[in-house]
Amino acid sequence: MINVKNYIVSGFGTNCYLVYEDGCPDAFIVDPGAPCQALADDVARLKLEPRYIVLTHGHGDHTGGIPFCKELWPDIKLVANRKEKDLLYSRRDSYGKGGITADVWTSDGDTLKVGNMELKFIFTPGHTPGGQCILVNRILFSGDTLFHASIGRTDLYGGSFADIADSITNKLYLLPEDTTVLPGHMDATTIGYEMRYNPFV
């Protein structure tokens, strides 16, 4: 069974997720937007070994906790979409500290094993040039692409409403309707709910 713990971090209410399976120590962290002691405490209490930090995109409210994680778990590897490379490195465009580079660069359709979990990366530009969602079984970590009855902003650097609408309608809405959507901000939803009620796409 896959377990997901959610921590609300950063001044922007970013959802950071810790993901692990019963009976397996391997885990991964999605979007550590700020240092989070509760995350560290849960990892220690559950005797987990975080293998990867997986970024949905490179904005500072999703990356601010990377140094905290790397200090606690020196062998952890950072995963991001290769089209997010310039934004991650730029202090101005990322609205963060910049200077970030990944250990693992992904492209659309790539997969990654963490323990027995298989992560599938779905390239979803629109909020940023290299935005991506991560699918694990019927759980989708949607970052700032798809929210509960909303979508990510497209008025920041590299944003495009046409791209985000295409990402959602032609990629995410092809997933099973009972897929749980865990977004970068706000509450969880499902693909089926968003297909019916999201007013933006």
N, C-alpha and C. Protein backbone atom coordinates (compact mmCIF):
# COMPACT_ATOMS: atom_id res chain seq x y z
N MET A 1 0.84 -1.20 0.00
CA MET A 1 0.00 0.00 0.00
C MET A 1 0.88 1.25 0.00
N ILE A 2 0.52 2.20 -0.84
CA ILE A 2 1.26 3.47 -0.91
C ILE A 2 0.68 4.44 0.10
N ASN A 3 1.55 5.05 0.86
CA ASN A 3 1.16 6.04 1.86
C ASN A 3 1.66 7.41 1.46
N VAL A 4 0.84 8.43 1.66
CA VAL A 4 1.22 9.80 1.35
C VAL A 4 0.94 10.68 2.56
N LYS A 5 1.96 11.36 3.03
CA LYS A 5 1.80 12.35 4.10
C LYS A 5 1.99 13.74 3.50
N ASN A 6 1.13 14.65 3.91
CA ASN A 6 1.13 16.01 3.37
C ASN A 6 1.57 16.99 4.43
N TYR A 7 2.45 17.90 4.06
CA TYR A 7 2.92 18.97 4.94
C TYR A 7 2.72 20.29 4.21
N ILE A 8 2.05 21.23 4.84
CA ILE A 8 1.84 22.53 4.24
C ILE A 8 2.99 23.44 4.67
N VAL A 9 3.78 23.88 3.70
CA VAL A 9 5.02 24.61 3.97
C VAL A 9 5.06 25.89 3.15
N SER A 10 5.98 26.76 3.48
CA SER A 10 6.26 28.04 2.81
C SER A 10 5.15 29.03 3.10
N GLY A 11 5.43 30.29 2.83
CA GLY A 11 4.44 31.34 3.04
C GLY A 11 3.31 31.30 2.03
N PHE A 12 3.40 30.42 1.04
CA PHE A 12 2.38 30.31 0.00
C PHE A 12 1.50 29.07 0.17
N GLY A 13 1.63 28.39 1.31
CA GLY A 13 0.80 27.21 1.55
C GLY A 13 1.05 26.08 0.58
N THR A 14 2.31 25.80 0.32
CA THR A 14 2.68 24.74 -0.62
C THR A 14 2.49 23.37 0.02
N ASN A 15 1.93 22.45 -0.75
CA ASN A 15 1.82 21.07 -0.31
C ASN A 15 3.11 20.32 -0.63
N CYS A 16 3.78 19.86 0.41
CA CYS A 16 4.94 18.97 0.28
C CYS A 16 4.48 17.58 0.67
N TYR A 17 4.92 16.58 -0.08
CA TYR A 17 4.44 15.22 0.16
C TYR A 17 5.60 14.27 0.43
N LEU A 18 5.39 13.37 1.39
CA LEU A 18 6.28 12.25 1.66
C LEU A 18 5.54 10.99 1.23
N VAL A 19 6.18 10.20 0.37
CA VAL A 19 5.51 9.04 -0.22
C VAL A 19 6.33 7.79 0.05
N TYR A 20 5.66 6.76 0.55
CA TYR A 20 6.36 5.51 0.89
C TYR A 20 5.37 4.36 0.88
N GLU A 21 5.89 3.14 0.88
CA GLU A 21 5.08 1.94 0.88
C GLU A 21 5.19 1.21 2.21
N ASP A 22 4.16 0.50 2.57
CA ASP A 22 4.23 -0.36 3.74
C ASP A 22 5.34 -1.40 3.55
N GLY A 23 6.13 -1.59 4.57
CA GLY A 23 7.13 -2.66 4.55
C GLY A 23 8.37 -2.37 3.74
N CYS A 24 8.54 -1.14 3.26
CA CYS A 24 9.72 -0.79 2.46
C CYS A 24 10.25 0.56 2.94
N PRO A 25 11.54 0.67 3.19
CA PRO A 25 12.07 1.93 3.71
C PRO A 25 12.24 3.02 2.65
N ASP A 26 12.28 2.64 1.36
CA ASP A 26 12.53 3.63 0.31
C ASP A 26 11.35 4.60 0.18
N ALA A 27 11.67 5.88 0.09
CA ALA A 27 10.64 6.91 0.01
C ALA A 27 11.09 8.01 -0.93
N PHE A 28 10.15 8.88 -1.30
CA PHE A 28 10.52 10.08 -2.03
C PHE A 28 9.70 11.25 -1.52
N ILE A 29 10.21 12.45 -1.78
CA ILE A 29 9.60 13.70 -1.31
C ILE A 29 9.26 14.53 -2.53
N VAL A 30 8.05 15.06 -2.55
CA VAL A 30 7.60 15.91 -3.66
C VAL A 30 7.55 17.36 -3.18
N ASP A 31 8.24 18.23 -3.87
CA ASP A 31 8.15 19.69 -3.69
C ASP A 31 8.37 20.17 -2.25
N PRO A 32 9.57 20.02 -1.72
CA PRO A 32 9.86 20.56 -0.39
C PRO A 32 10.03 22.08 -0.46
N GLY A 33 8.95 22.80 -0.23
CA GLY A 33 8.96 24.24 -0.45
C GLY A 33 9.65 25.04 0.62
N ALA A 34 9.87 24.43 1.78
CA ALA A 34 10.55 25.09 2.89
C ALA A 34 11.01 24.02 3.87
N PRO A 35 11.97 24.32 4.75
CA PRO A 35 12.35 23.36 5.78
C PRO A 35 11.13 22.93 6.59
N CYS A 36 11.06 21.65 6.91
CA CYS A 36 9.88 21.12 7.61
C CYS A 36 10.31 20.08 8.63
N GLN A 37 10.27 20.45 9.89
CA GLN A 37 10.70 19.52 10.93
C GLN A 37 9.75 18.33 11.06
N ALA A 38 8.46 18.54 10.82
CA ALA A 38 7.51 17.43 10.90
C ALA A 38 7.85 16.35 9.88
N LEU A 39 8.29 16.76 8.70
CA LEU A 39 8.73 15.81 7.68
C LEU A 39 9.93 15.02 8.19
N ALA A 40 10.92 15.70 8.72
CA ALA A 40 12.11 15.03 9.24
C ALA A 40 11.74 14.06 10.37
N ASP A 41 10.84 14.50 11.25
CA ASP A 41 10.43 13.65 12.37
C ASP A 41 9.72 12.39 11.89
N ASP A 42 8.85 12.53 10.88
CA ASP A 42 8.14 11.36 10.36
C ASP A 42 9.09 10.38 9.68
N VAL A 43 10.06 10.90 8.93
CA VAL A 43 11.04 10.02 8.29
C VAL A 43 11.79 9.20 9.35
N ALA A 44 12.20 9.87 10.42
CA ALA A 44 12.92 9.16 11.49
C ALA A 44 12.01 8.16 12.20
N ARG A 45 10.79 8.57 12.51
CA ARG A 45 9.86 7.71 13.25
C ARG A 45 9.49 6.47 12.45
N LEU A 46 9.32 6.64 11.15
CA LEU A 46 8.92 5.53 10.29
C LEU A 46 10.11 4.73 9.75
N LYS A 47 11.33 5.18 10.12
CA LYS A 47 12.56 4.52 9.69
C LYS A 47 12.63 4.43 8.16
N LEU A 48 12.36 5.57 7.51
CA LEU A 48 12.39 5.63 6.06
C LEU A 48 13.73 6.14 5.56
N GLU A 49 14.00 5.88 4.29
CA GLU A 49 15.21 6.36 3.63
C GLU A 49 14.79 7.11 2.36
N PRO A 50 14.66 8.42 2.44
CA PRO A 50 14.27 9.18 1.24
C PRO A 50 15.35 9.10 0.17
N ARG A 51 14.98 8.61 -1.00
CA ARG A 51 15.93 8.42 -2.10
C ARG A 51 15.95 9.61 -3.06
N TYR A 52 14.79 10.26 -3.24
CA TYR A 52 14.68 11.32 -4.24
C TYR A 52 13.84 12.48 -3.72
N ILE A 53 14.21 13.67 -4.12
CA ILE A 53 13.34 14.84 -4.09
C ILE A 53 12.84 15.01 -5.52
N VAL A 54 11.54 14.98 -5.71
CA VAL A 54 10.95 15.09 -7.03
C VAL A 54 10.25 16.44 -7.13
N LEU A 55 10.63 17.25 -8.10
CA LEU A 55 10.04 18.57 -8.29
C LEU A 55 9.00 18.52 -9.40
N THR A 56 7.85 19.14 -9.12
CA THR A 56 6.87 19.33 -10.19
C THR A 56 7.26 20.52 -11.06
N HIS A 57 7.92 21.51 -10.44
CA HIS A 57 8.43 22.67 -11.18
C HIS A 57 9.39 23.42 -10.27
N GLY A 58 9.96 24.51 -10.80
CA GLY A 58 11.11 25.11 -10.13
C GLY A 58 10.88 26.38 -9.35
N HIS A 59 9.65 26.78 -9.08
CA HIS A 59 9.42 28.00 -8.32
C HIS A 59 9.90 27.85 -6.88
N GLY A 60 10.33 28.97 -6.32
CA GLY A 60 10.95 28.96 -4.99
C GLY A 60 10.08 28.40 -3.89
N ASP A 61 8.76 28.53 -4.02
CA ASP A 61 7.88 27.99 -2.97
C ASP A 61 7.74 26.48 -3.06
N HIS A 62 8.39 25.86 -4.05
CA HIS A 62 8.42 24.41 -4.16
C HIS A 62 9.83 23.84 -4.00
N THR A 63 10.81 24.72 -3.90
CA THR A 63 12.21 24.27 -3.85
C THR A 63 12.96 24.74 -2.61
N GLY A 64 12.35 25.61 -1.80
CA GLY A 64 13.08 26.24 -0.70
C GLY A 64 13.58 25.29 0.37
N GLY A 65 13.02 24.08 0.45
CA GLY A 65 13.45 23.12 1.45
C GLY A 65 14.48 22.12 0.95
N ILE A 66 14.97 22.30 -0.27
CA ILE A 66 15.96 21.35 -0.81
C ILE A 66 17.22 21.30 0.05
N PRO A 67 17.82 22.44 0.43
CA PRO A 67 19.02 22.36 1.27
C PRO A 67 18.77 21.65 2.60
N PHE A 68 17.62 21.88 3.20
CA PHE A 68 17.24 21.20 4.45
C PHE A 68 17.24 19.69 4.25
N CYS A 69 16.64 19.23 3.16
CA CYS A 69 16.58 17.80 2.88
C CYS A 69 17.97 17.22 2.60
N LYS A 70 18.77 17.95 1.84
CA LYS A 70 20.10 17.44 1.50
C LYS A 70 21.02 17.38 2.71
N GLU A 71 20.81 18.29 3.65
CA GLU A 71 21.62 18.24 4.88
C GLU A 71 21.26 17.02 5.71
N LEU A 72 19.96 16.70 5.77
CA LEU A 72 19.52 15.55 6.55
C LEU A 72 19.85 14.23 5.87
N TRP A 73 19.73 14.19 4.56
CA TRP A 73 19.91 12.95 3.79
C TRP A 73 20.88 13.24 2.64
N PRO A 74 22.17 13.20 2.91
CA PRO A 74 23.18 13.64 1.93
C PRO A 74 23.15 12.88 0.60
N ASP A 75 22.65 11.65 0.60
CA ASP A 75 22.65 10.86 -0.63
C ASP A 75 21.39 11.05 -1.46
N ILE A 76 20.46 11.87 -1.00
CA ILE A 76 19.22 12.06 -1.73
C ILE A 76 19.50 12.74 -3.07
N LYS A 77 18.74 12.34 -4.10
CA LYS A 77 18.94 12.88 -5.45
C LYS A 77 17.74 13.75 -5.84
N LEU A 78 18.04 14.83 -6.57
CA LEU A 78 17.02 15.77 -7.01
C LEU A 78 16.59 15.43 -8.44
N VAL A 79 15.28 15.39 -8.65
CA VAL A 79 14.70 15.02 -9.94
C VAL A 79 13.86 16.18 -10.47
N ALA A 80 14.08 16.58 -11.72
CA ALA A 80 13.30 17.65 -12.33
C ALA A 80 13.24 17.43 -13.83
N ASN A 81 12.28 18.08 -14.48
CA ASN A 81 12.18 17.98 -15.93
C ASN A 81 13.29 18.79 -16.60
N ARG A 82 13.84 18.25 -17.65
CA ARG A 82 15.00 18.89 -18.29
C ARG A 82 14.66 20.26 -18.87
N LYS A 83 13.40 20.51 -19.20
CA LYS A 83 13.02 21.82 -19.73
C LYS A 83 12.87 22.87 -18.63
N GLU A 84 13.07 22.47 -17.39
CA GLU A 84 13.03 23.41 -16.26
C GLU A 84 14.43 23.85 -15.85
N LYS A 85 15.43 23.41 -16.59
CA LYS A 85 16.82 23.64 -16.20
C LYS A 85 17.14 25.13 -16.04
N ASP A 86 16.77 25.94 -17.02
CA ASP A 86 17.11 27.37 -16.95
C ASP A 86 16.37 28.07 -15.82
N LEU A 87 15.10 27.75 -15.64
CA LEU A 87 14.33 28.38 -14.58
C LEU A 87 14.89 28.04 -13.20
N LEU A 88 15.23 26.78 -12.99
CA LEU A 88 15.78 26.36 -11.70
C LEU A 88 17.07 27.11 -11.37
N TYR A 89 17.86 27.36 -12.39
CA TYR A 89 19.15 28.00 -12.15
C TYR A 89 19.03 29.51 -11.93
N SER A 90 17.96 30.10 -12.45
CA SER A 90 17.81 31.55 -12.42
C SER A 90 17.13 32.02 -11.13
N ARG A 91 17.80 32.88 -10.39
CA ARG A 91 17.20 33.46 -9.19
C ARG A 91 15.98 34.31 -9.54
N ARG A 92 16.08 35.07 -10.61
CA ARG A 92 14.98 35.96 -11.00
C ARG A 92 13.76 35.18 -11.46
N ASP A 93 13.95 34.25 -12.37
CA ASP A 93 12.82 33.57 -12.99
C ASP A 93 12.16 32.54 -12.08
N SER A 94 12.91 32.01 -11.11
CA SER A 94 12.37 30.99 -10.22
C SER A 94 11.69 31.58 -9.00
N TYR A 95 11.87 32.90 -8.79
CA TYR A 95 11.35 33.54 -7.57
C TYR A 95 11.86 32.82 -6.32
N GLY A 96 13.08 32.33 -6.42
CA GLY A 96 13.70 31.62 -5.31
C GLY A 96 15.18 31.95 -5.25
N LYS A 97 15.95 31.06 -4.67
CA LYS A 97 17.39 31.29 -4.52
C LYS A 97 18.16 31.02 -5.80
N GLY A 98 17.58 30.24 -6.72
CA GLY A 98 18.27 29.91 -7.95
C GLY A 98 19.47 29.01 -7.71
N GLY A 99 20.25 28.82 -8.75
CA GLY A 99 21.45 28.00 -8.65
C GLY A 99 21.18 26.52 -8.44
N ILE A 100 19.98 26.07 -8.76
CA ILE A 100 19.62 24.67 -8.53
C ILE A 100 19.81 23.87 -9.80
N THR A 101 20.43 22.71 -9.66
CA THR A 101 20.54 21.78 -10.78
C THR A 101 20.15 20.39 -10.28
N ALA A 102 19.57 19.60 -11.16
CA ALA A 102 19.08 18.27 -10.77
C ALA A 102 20.15 17.21 -10.94
N ASP A 103 19.98 16.12 -10.21
CA ASP A 103 20.81 14.93 -10.40
C ASP A 103 20.22 14.03 -11.48
N VAL A 104 18.90 14.08 -11.61
CA VAL A 104 18.19 13.27 -12.61
C VAL A 104 17.27 14.20 -13.39
N TRP A 105 17.48 14.29 -14.70
CA TRP A 105 16.62 15.11 -15.56
C TRP A 105 15.65 14.19 -16.28
N THR A 106 14.38 14.53 -16.27
CA THR A 106 13.35 13.68 -16.86
C THR A 106 12.79 14.30 -18.15
N SER A 107 12.19 13.44 -18.94
CA SER A 107 11.43 13.85 -20.13
C SER A 107 10.07 13.18 -20.06
N ASP A 108 9.15 13.63 -20.91
CA ASP A 108 7.79 13.09 -20.92
C ASP A 108 7.80 11.58 -21.12
N GLY A 109 7.10 10.88 -20.23
CA GLY A 109 6.99 9.43 -20.34
C GLY A 109 8.06 8.65 -19.61
N ASP A 110 9.08 9.31 -19.09
CA ASP A 110 10.11 8.61 -18.33
C ASP A 110 9.52 7.98 -17.07
N THR A 111 10.17 6.94 -16.59
CA THR A 111 9.76 6.30 -15.34
C THR A 111 10.96 6.18 -14.40
N LEU A 112 10.65 6.03 -13.13
CA LEU A 112 11.69 5.91 -12.10
C LEU A 112 11.16 4.99 -11.02
N LYS A 113 11.98 4.03 -10.60
CA LYS A 113 11.59 3.11 -9.54
C LYS A 113 12.09 3.62 -8.20
N VAL A 114 11.20 3.62 -7.22
CA VAL A 114 11.57 3.91 -5.83
C VAL A 114 11.01 2.77 -5.00
N GLY A 115 11.86 1.88 -4.54
CA GLY A 115 11.37 0.65 -3.95
C GLY A 115 10.58 -0.11 -4.99
N ASN A 116 9.34 -0.47 -4.66
CA ASN A 116 8.47 -1.15 -5.62
C ASN A 116 7.56 -0.17 -6.36
N MET A 117 7.65 1.11 -6.04
CA MET A 117 6.80 2.11 -6.68
C MET A 117 7.42 2.53 -8.01
N GLU A 118 6.57 2.67 -9.01
CA GLU A 118 7.03 3.21 -10.30
C GLU A 118 6.42 4.59 -10.50
N LEU A 119 7.29 5.57 -10.67
CA LEU A 119 6.86 6.93 -10.92
C LEU A 119 6.88 7.16 -12.43
N LYS A 120 5.79 7.67 -12.97
CA LYS A 120 5.73 8.03 -14.38
C LYS A 120 5.64 9.55 -14.47
N PHE A 121 6.51 10.13 -15.30
CA PHE A 121 6.59 11.59 -15.42
C PHE A 121 5.81 12.05 -16.64
N ILE A 122 4.92 13.00 -16.42
CA ILE A 122 4.08 13.54 -17.48
C ILE A 122 4.44 15.02 -17.65
N PHE A 123 4.99 15.37 -18.78
CA PHE A 123 5.40 16.74 -19.07
C PHE A 123 4.16 17.60 -19.25
N THR A 124 4.01 18.62 -18.39
CA THR A 124 2.81 19.46 -18.42
C THR A 124 3.20 20.94 -18.35
N PRO A 125 3.74 21.49 -19.43
CA PRO A 125 4.10 22.91 -19.43
C PRO A 125 2.86 23.79 -19.36
N GLY A 126 3.08 25.03 -18.99
CA GLY A 126 1.99 25.99 -18.94
C GLY A 126 2.13 26.92 -17.75
N HIS A 127 2.30 26.34 -16.56
CA HIS A 127 2.61 27.17 -15.38
C HIS A 127 4.06 27.61 -15.46
N THR A 128 4.93 26.68 -15.82
CA THR A 128 6.34 26.96 -16.11
C THR A 128 6.71 26.17 -17.37
N PRO A 129 7.85 26.48 -17.99
CA PRO A 129 8.24 25.77 -19.22
C PRO A 129 8.49 24.28 -19.00
N GLY A 130 8.94 23.90 -17.80
CA GLY A 130 9.29 22.50 -17.55
C GLY A 130 8.46 21.87 -16.46
N GLY A 131 7.21 22.28 -16.35
CA GLY A 131 6.34 21.67 -15.36
C GLY A 131 6.09 20.20 -15.67
N GLN A 132 5.95 19.41 -14.63
CA GLN A 132 5.64 18.00 -14.83
C GLN A 132 4.74 17.51 -13.70
N CYS A 133 3.95 16.50 -14.00
CA CYS A 133 3.16 15.80 -13.00
C CYS A 133 3.75 14.41 -12.83
N ILE A 134 3.52 13.82 -11.66
CA ILE A 134 4.08 12.51 -11.36
C ILE A 134 2.94 11.57 -11.02
N LEU A 135 2.84 10.49 -11.77
CA LEU A 135 1.79 9.51 -11.58
C LEU A 135 2.36 8.27 -10.91
N VAL A 136 1.75 7.88 -9.79
CA VAL A 136 2.12 6.65 -9.08
C VAL A 136 0.84 5.86 -8.85
N ASN A 137 0.66 4.78 -9.60
CA ASN A 137 -0.60 4.03 -9.59
C ASN A 137 -1.74 4.99 -9.95
N ARG A 138 -2.69 5.18 -9.06
CA ARG A 138 -3.82 6.08 -9.33
C ARG A 138 -3.69 7.37 -8.52
N ILE A 139 -2.47 7.77 -8.24
CA ILE A 139 -2.22 9.02 -7.53
C ILE A 139 -1.40 9.93 -8.43
N LEU A 140 -1.89 11.15 -8.64
CA LEU A 140 -1.20 12.11 -9.48
C LEU A 140 -0.78 13.31 -8.64
N PHE A 141 0.52 13.58 -8.61
CA PHE A 141 1.04 14.78 -7.99
C PHE A 141 1.09 15.85 -9.09
N SER A 142 0.17 16.80 -9.00
CA SER A 142 -0.07 17.69 -10.14
C SER A 142 0.64 19.03 -10.04
N GLY A 143 1.38 19.27 -8.95
CA GLY A 143 2.09 20.53 -8.83
C GLY A 143 1.15 21.71 -8.99
N ASP A 144 1.57 22.71 -9.76
CA ASP A 144 0.74 23.89 -9.99
C ASP A 144 0.12 23.86 -11.39
N THR A 145 -0.05 22.66 -11.94
CA THR A 145 -0.75 22.53 -13.21
C THR A 145 -2.26 22.48 -12.98
N LEU A 146 -2.71 21.55 -12.15
CA LEU A 146 -4.14 21.35 -11.92
C LEU A 146 -4.43 21.41 -10.43
N PHE A 147 -5.36 22.27 -10.06
CA PHE A 147 -5.83 22.41 -8.69
C PHE A 147 -7.29 21.96 -8.59
N HIS A 148 -7.79 21.93 -7.35
CA HIS A 148 -9.20 21.68 -7.12
C HIS A 148 -10.01 22.86 -7.69
N ALA A 149 -10.72 22.60 -8.78
CA ALA A 149 -11.55 23.60 -9.45
C ALA A 149 -10.77 24.83 -9.88
N SER A 150 -9.49 24.64 -10.19
CA SER A 150 -8.66 25.76 -10.63
C SER A 150 -7.45 25.22 -11.39
N ILE A 151 -6.63 26.14 -11.87
CA ILE A 151 -5.39 25.77 -12.56
C ILE A 151 -4.29 26.73 -12.10
N GLY A 152 -3.06 26.41 -12.45
CA GLY A 152 -1.94 27.25 -12.08
C GLY A 152 -1.91 28.56 -12.85
N ARG A 153 -1.26 29.55 -12.25
CA ARG A 153 -1.09 30.84 -12.91
C ARG A 153 -0.28 30.68 -14.20
N THR A 154 -0.63 31.51 -15.18
CA THR A 154 0.12 31.49 -16.43
C THR A 154 0.69 32.86 -16.77
N ASP A 155 0.65 33.78 -15.80
CA ASP A 155 1.14 35.14 -16.05
C ASP A 155 2.56 35.36 -15.54
N LEU A 156 3.20 34.32 -15.04
CA LEU A 156 4.59 34.42 -14.58
C LEU A 156 5.52 34.02 -15.72
N TYR A 157 6.84 34.16 -15.48
CA TYR A 157 7.83 33.85 -16.51
C TYR A 157 7.60 32.45 -17.09
N GLY A 158 7.54 32.36 -18.40
CA GLY A 158 7.42 31.07 -19.08
C GLY A 158 6.03 30.47 -19.05
N GLY A 159 5.06 31.20 -18.50
CA GLY A 159 3.71 30.67 -18.43
C GLY A 159 2.96 30.81 -19.75
N SER A 160 1.99 29.92 -19.95
CA SER A 160 1.19 29.97 -21.18
C SER A 160 -0.15 29.31 -20.91
N PHE A 161 -1.24 30.08 -21.08
CA PHE A 161 -2.56 29.47 -20.88
C PHE A 161 -2.82 28.38 -21.91
N ALA A 162 -2.43 28.63 -23.16
CA ALA A 162 -2.65 27.62 -24.20
C ALA A 162 -1.94 26.31 -23.84
N ASP A 163 -0.71 26.43 -23.31
CA ASP A 163 0.04 25.22 -22.95
C ASP A 163 -0.57 24.50 -21.77
N ILE A 164 -0.99 25.24 -20.74
CA ILE A 164 -1.54 24.56 -19.57
C ILE A 164 -2.88 23.92 -19.90
N ALA A 165 -3.69 24.58 -20.71
CA ALA A 165 -4.96 23.99 -21.12
C ALA A 165 -4.73 22.72 -21.92
N ASP A 166 -3.75 22.74 -22.80
CA ASP A 166 -3.41 21.54 -23.58
C ASP A 166 -2.88 20.43 -22.67
N SER A 167 -2.04 20.78 -21.71
CA SER A 167 -1.49 19.79 -20.79
C SER A 167 -2.60 19.08 -20.02
N ILE A 168 -3.58 19.87 -19.58
CA ILE A 168 -4.66 19.30 -18.77
C ILE A 168 -5.61 18.48 -19.62
N THR A 169 -6.08 19.05 -20.71
CA THR A 169 -7.13 18.37 -21.48
C THR A 169 -6.59 17.19 -22.29
N ASN A 170 -5.37 17.29 -22.78
CA ASN A 170 -4.86 16.25 -23.66
C ASN A 170 -3.91 15.27 -23.00
N LYS A 171 -3.61 15.50 -21.73
CA LYS A 171 -2.77 14.55 -20.99
C LYS A 171 -3.46 14.11 -19.69
N LEU A 172 -3.73 15.07 -18.80
CA LEU A 172 -4.26 14.69 -17.49
C LEU A 172 -5.67 14.15 -17.58
N TYR A 173 -6.49 14.73 -18.45
CA TYR A 173 -7.88 14.27 -18.55
C TYR A 173 -8.01 12.93 -19.28
N LEU A 174 -6.90 12.38 -19.76
CA LEU A 174 -6.91 11.04 -20.33
C LEU A 174 -6.71 9.97 -19.27
N LEU A 175 -6.36 10.38 -18.05
CA LEU A 175 -6.18 9.43 -16.96
C LEU A 175 -7.53 8.94 -16.46
N PRO A 176 -7.56 7.78 -15.78
CA PRO A 176 -8.83 7.30 -15.22
C PRO A 176 -9.47 8.35 -14.30
N GLU A 177 -10.79 8.42 -14.35
CA GLU A 177 -11.49 9.45 -13.61
C GLU A 177 -11.33 9.32 -12.10
N ASP A 178 -11.04 8.10 -11.62
CA ASP A 178 -10.87 7.92 -10.17
C ASP A 178 -9.44 8.18 -9.71
N THR A 179 -8.60 8.71 -10.60
CA THR A 179 -7.24 9.08 -10.20
C THR A 179 -7.30 10.22 -9.19
N THR A 180 -6.66 10.02 -8.05
CA THR A 180 -6.58 11.06 -7.03
C THR A 180 -5.56 12.10 -7.46
N VAL A 181 -5.93 13.37 -7.36
CA VAL A 181 -5.05 14.47 -7.73
C VAL A 181 -4.59 15.18 -6.46
N LEU A 182 -3.28 15.17 -6.22
CA LEU A 182 -2.70 15.85 -5.07
C LEU A 182 -1.92 17.05 -5.59
N PRO A 183 -2.48 18.24 -5.46
CA PRO A 183 -1.91 19.43 -6.09
C PRO A 183 -0.84 20.11 -5.25
N GLY A 184 -0.21 21.11 -5.85
CA GLY A 184 0.83 21.86 -5.16
C GLY A 184 0.30 22.83 -4.12
N HIS A 185 -0.98 23.18 -4.22
CA HIS A 185 -1.64 24.05 -3.26
C HIS A 185 -3.10 23.60 -3.16
N MET A 186 -3.72 23.92 -2.07
CA MET A 186 -5.14 23.64 -1.86
C MET A 186 -5.40 22.14 -1.68
N ASP A 187 -6.69 21.77 -1.77
CA ASP A 187 -7.12 20.42 -1.39
C ASP A 187 -6.99 19.42 -2.53
N ALA A 188 -7.04 18.16 -2.15
CA ALA A 188 -7.02 17.07 -3.12
C ALA A 188 -8.32 17.06 -3.92
N THR A 189 -8.24 16.43 -5.10
CA THR A 189 -9.42 16.29 -5.95
C THR A 189 -9.27 15.01 -6.75
N THR A 190 -10.08 14.83 -7.77
CA THR A 190 -9.95 13.69 -8.67
C THR A 190 -10.01 14.18 -10.12
N ILE A 191 -9.51 13.37 -11.01
CA ILE A 191 -9.59 13.71 -12.43
C ILE A 191 -11.05 13.84 -12.87
N GLY A 192 -11.90 12.93 -12.44
CA GLY A 192 -13.29 12.99 -12.83
C GLY A 192 -13.97 14.26 -12.39
N TYR A 193 -13.70 14.69 -11.16
CA TYR A 193 -14.31 15.93 -10.66
C TYR A 193 -13.86 17.11 -11.51
N GLU A 194 -12.58 17.18 -11.80
CA GLU A 194 -12.07 18.33 -12.57
C GLU A 194 -12.60 18.33 -14.00
N MET A 195 -12.75 17.16 -14.59
CA MET A 195 -13.30 17.09 -15.94
C MET A 195 -14.71 17.67 -15.98
N ARG A 196 -15.47 17.48 -14.91
CA ARG A 196 -16.86 17.93 -14.88
C ARG A 196 -17.01 19.38 -14.41
N TYR A 197 -16.18 19.80 -13.46
CA TYR A 197 -16.49 21.03 -12.76
C TYR A 197 -15.42 22.11 -12.83
N ASN A 198 -14.23 21.81 -13.36
CA ASN A 198 -13.21 22.83 -13.42
C ASN A 198 -13.63 23.90 -14.43
N PRO A 199 -13.78 25.16 -14.00
CA PRO A 199 -14.30 26.19 -14.91
C PRO A 199 -13.27 26.80 -15.85
N PHE A 200 -11.98 26.41 -15.70
CA PHE A 200 -10.92 27.07 -16.46
C PHE A 200 -10.52 26.32 -17.72
N VAL A 201 -10.86 25.04 -17.81
CA VAL A 201 -10.48 24.24 -18.99
C VAL A 201 -11.67 23.40 -19.46
